[in-house]
Amino acid sequence: HGGLAQQGFPISDEFTEVSDLDGLTYTVQYFERAVMEMHTENKAPYDVLLSQLGTFRWNEKSAGR
């Protein structure tokens, strides 16, 4: 949903990554403007979710306060 205009082109293949938010391992793919995560614990169509990029950025910016 959103397609090329919203997510951009893929810049990686799928790979596994440990989330900094919950410590769980997810299959992810990076795009120019998004990171998608496979959440097998959810039923379709909610099994592919966008990463919480805003949360990561906020945590980085507020860490020095």
N, C-alpha and C. Protein backbone atom coordinates (compact mmCIF):
# COMPACT_ATOMS: atom_id res chain seq x y z
N HIS A 1 0.84 -1.18 0.00
CA HIS A 1 0.00 0.00 0.00
C HIS A 1 0.88 1.24 0.00
N GLY A 2 0.60 2.13 -0.88
CA GLY A 2 1.40 3.33 -1.00
C GLY A 2 2.33 3.26 -2.19
N GLY A 3 2.91 2.10 -2.40
CA GLY A 3 3.74 1.86 -3.57
C GLY A 3 4.96 2.73 -3.69
N LEU A 4 5.43 2.83 -4.91
CA LEU A 4 6.67 3.53 -5.20
C LEU A 4 6.66 4.99 -4.74
N ALA A 5 5.56 5.70 -4.95
CA ALA A 5 5.50 7.12 -4.59
C ALA A 5 5.69 7.34 -3.10
N GLN A 6 5.20 6.42 -2.27
CA GLN A 6 5.28 6.60 -0.82
C GLN A 6 6.51 5.93 -0.21
N GLN A 7 6.84 4.72 -0.64
CA GLN A 7 7.92 3.95 -0.02
C GLN A 7 9.26 4.15 -0.71
N GLY A 8 9.25 4.47 -1.99
CA GLY A 8 10.48 4.57 -2.76
C GLY A 8 10.92 3.20 -3.26
N PHE A 9 12.06 3.18 -3.92
CA PHE A 9 12.61 1.94 -4.45
C PHE A 9 13.24 1.12 -3.32
N PRO A 10 13.25 -0.21 -3.45
CA PRO A 10 13.96 -1.02 -2.46
C PRO A 10 15.47 -0.77 -2.56
N ILE A 11 16.12 -0.67 -1.41
CA ILE A 11 17.57 -0.46 -1.39
C ILE A 11 18.29 -1.63 -0.74
N SER A 12 17.54 -2.68 -0.37
CA SER A 12 18.14 -3.90 0.15
C SER A 12 17.27 -5.08 -0.25
N ASP A 13 17.85 -6.26 -0.15
CA ASP A 13 17.06 -7.48 -0.23
C ASP A 13 16.47 -7.71 1.15
N GLU A 14 15.62 -8.72 1.28
CA GLU A 14 15.12 -9.11 2.60
C GLU A 14 16.26 -9.72 3.41
N PHE A 15 16.30 -9.42 4.71
CA PHE A 15 17.27 -10.04 5.61
C PHE A 15 16.69 -10.01 7.01
N THR A 16 17.29 -10.74 7.92
CA THR A 16 16.80 -10.75 9.31
C THR A 16 17.58 -9.73 10.12
N GLU A 17 16.86 -9.11 11.07
CA GLU A 17 17.44 -8.05 11.90
C GLU A 17 16.77 -8.08 13.27
N VAL A 18 17.54 -7.85 14.30
CA VAL A 18 17.01 -7.77 15.66
C VAL A 18 16.53 -6.35 15.90
N SER A 19 15.29 -6.20 16.33
CA SER A 19 14.71 -4.89 16.58
C SER A 19 15.28 -4.27 17.85
N ASP A 20 15.66 -3.01 17.77
CA ASP A 20 16.14 -2.27 18.95
C ASP A 20 14.98 -1.96 19.90
N LEU A 21 13.74 -2.03 19.43
CA LEU A 21 12.59 -1.70 20.27
C LEU A 21 12.17 -2.85 21.18
N ASP A 22 12.13 -4.09 20.62
CA ASP A 22 11.63 -5.21 21.43
C ASP A 22 12.59 -6.39 21.51
N GLY A 23 13.73 -6.32 20.84
CA GLY A 23 14.72 -7.39 20.90
C GLY A 23 14.36 -8.63 20.10
N LEU A 24 13.26 -8.61 19.36
CA LEU A 24 12.85 -9.76 18.55
C LEU A 24 13.47 -9.66 17.16
N THR A 25 13.61 -10.82 16.52
CA THR A 25 14.18 -10.88 15.18
C THR A 25 13.05 -10.87 14.15
N TYR A 26 13.19 -10.00 13.15
CA TYR A 26 12.20 -9.87 12.08
C TYR A 26 12.90 -9.96 10.73
N THR A 27 12.17 -10.42 9.73
CA THR A 27 12.62 -10.29 8.35
C THR A 27 12.25 -8.88 7.92
N VAL A 28 13.24 -8.13 7.41
CA VAL A 28 13.02 -6.74 7.04
C VAL A 28 13.50 -6.49 5.62
N GLN A 29 13.01 -5.42 5.03
CA GLN A 29 13.53 -4.93 3.76
C GLN A 29 13.52 -3.41 3.83
N TYR A 30 14.64 -2.81 3.43
CA TYR A 30 14.78 -1.36 3.45
C TYR A 30 14.42 -0.79 2.09
N PHE A 31 13.69 0.32 2.13
CA PHE A 31 13.32 1.08 0.95
C PHE A 31 13.86 2.49 1.12
N GLU A 32 13.77 3.32 0.10
CA GLU A 32 14.31 4.68 0.18
C GLU A 32 13.67 5.49 1.30
N ARG A 33 12.38 5.31 1.57
CA ARG A 33 11.68 6.09 2.58
C ARG A 33 10.93 5.25 3.60
N ALA A 34 11.27 3.98 3.72
CA ALA A 34 10.54 3.11 4.65
C ALA A 34 11.36 1.87 4.96
N VAL A 35 11.02 1.23 6.06
CA VAL A 35 11.55 -0.09 6.40
C VAL A 35 10.34 -0.95 6.72
N MET A 36 10.21 -2.08 6.02
CA MET A 36 9.08 -2.97 6.25
C MET A 36 9.55 -4.19 7.04
N GLU A 37 8.72 -4.60 8.01
CA GLU A 37 9.02 -5.74 8.88
C GLU A 37 7.94 -6.81 8.72
N MET A 38 8.36 -8.08 8.67
CA MET A 38 7.43 -9.19 8.62
C MET A 38 7.12 -9.62 10.05
N HIS A 39 5.84 -9.52 10.44
CA HIS A 39 5.38 -9.91 11.77
C HIS A 39 4.52 -11.16 11.63
N THR A 40 5.16 -12.33 11.72
CA THR A 40 4.45 -13.59 11.50
C THR A 40 3.41 -13.87 12.59
N GLU A 41 3.47 -13.15 13.70
CA GLU A 41 2.49 -13.35 14.76
C GLU A 41 1.13 -12.74 14.40
N ASN A 42 1.10 -11.89 13.36
CA ASN A 42 -0.13 -11.26 12.91
C ASN A 42 -0.68 -11.97 11.69
N LYS A 43 -2.00 -11.94 11.53
CA LYS A 43 -2.63 -12.49 10.34
C LYS A 43 -2.62 -11.44 9.23
N ALA A 44 -2.58 -11.92 7.98
CA ALA A 44 -2.65 -11.01 6.83
C ALA A 44 -3.94 -10.21 6.90
N PRO A 45 -3.95 -8.98 6.54
CA PRO A 45 -2.91 -8.20 5.89
C PRO A 45 -2.01 -7.44 6.87
N TYR A 46 -2.04 -7.80 8.14
CA TYR A 46 -1.28 -7.07 9.16
C TYR A 46 0.04 -7.74 9.50
N ASP A 47 0.51 -8.63 8.62
CA ASP A 47 1.76 -9.34 8.88
C ASP A 47 2.98 -8.59 8.36
N VAL A 48 2.79 -7.59 7.50
CA VAL A 48 3.88 -6.72 7.06
C VAL A 48 3.57 -5.32 7.57
N LEU A 49 4.45 -4.81 8.43
CA LEU A 49 4.25 -3.51 9.06
C LEU A 49 5.43 -2.61 8.77
N LEU A 50 5.20 -1.32 8.84
CA LEU A 50 6.29 -0.36 8.72
C LEU A 50 7.03 -0.27 10.04
N SER A 51 8.33 -0.14 9.98
CA SER A 51 9.15 0.03 11.18
C SER A 51 8.80 1.35 11.85
N GLN A 52 9.05 1.43 13.13
CA GLN A 52 8.76 2.64 13.89
C GLN A 52 9.93 3.62 13.79
N LEU A 53 10.17 4.12 12.58
CA LEU A 53 11.32 5.00 12.34
C LEU A 53 11.26 6.27 13.18
N GLY A 54 10.07 6.81 13.40
CA GLY A 54 9.94 8.00 14.23
C GLY A 54 10.37 7.74 15.67
N THR A 55 10.04 6.57 16.19
CA THR A 55 10.44 6.20 17.55
C THR A 55 11.96 6.12 17.65
N PHE A 56 12.60 5.48 16.65
CA PHE A 56 14.06 5.38 16.66
C PHE A 56 14.70 6.76 16.63
N ARG A 57 14.20 7.62 15.77
CA ARG A 57 14.78 8.97 15.63
C ARG A 57 14.58 9.79 16.90
N TRP A 58 13.39 9.72 17.49
CA TRP A 58 13.12 10.45 18.73
C TRP A 58 14.05 9.98 19.85
N ASN A 59 14.22 8.67 19.96
CA ASN A 59 15.11 8.12 20.99
C ASN A 59 16.54 8.61 20.80
N GLU A 60 17.00 8.71 19.55
CA GLU A 60 18.34 9.22 19.27
C GLU A 60 18.46 10.67 19.68
N LYS A 61 17.47 11.49 19.32
CA LYS A 61 17.54 12.93 19.59
C LYS A 61 17.40 13.24 21.09
N SER A 62 16.60 12.46 21.79
CA SER A 62 16.34 12.76 23.20
C SER A 62 17.30 12.07 24.15
N ALA A 63 18.19 11.24 23.65
CA ALA A 63 19.13 10.49 24.50
C ALA A 63 20.09 11.43 25.24
N GLY A 64 20.43 12.55 24.63
CA GLY A 64 21.40 13.46 25.23
C GLY A 64 20.80 14.47 26.19
N ARG A 65 19.51 14.38 26.46
CA ARG A 65 18.85 15.38 27.32
C ARG A 65 19.03 15.08 28.77
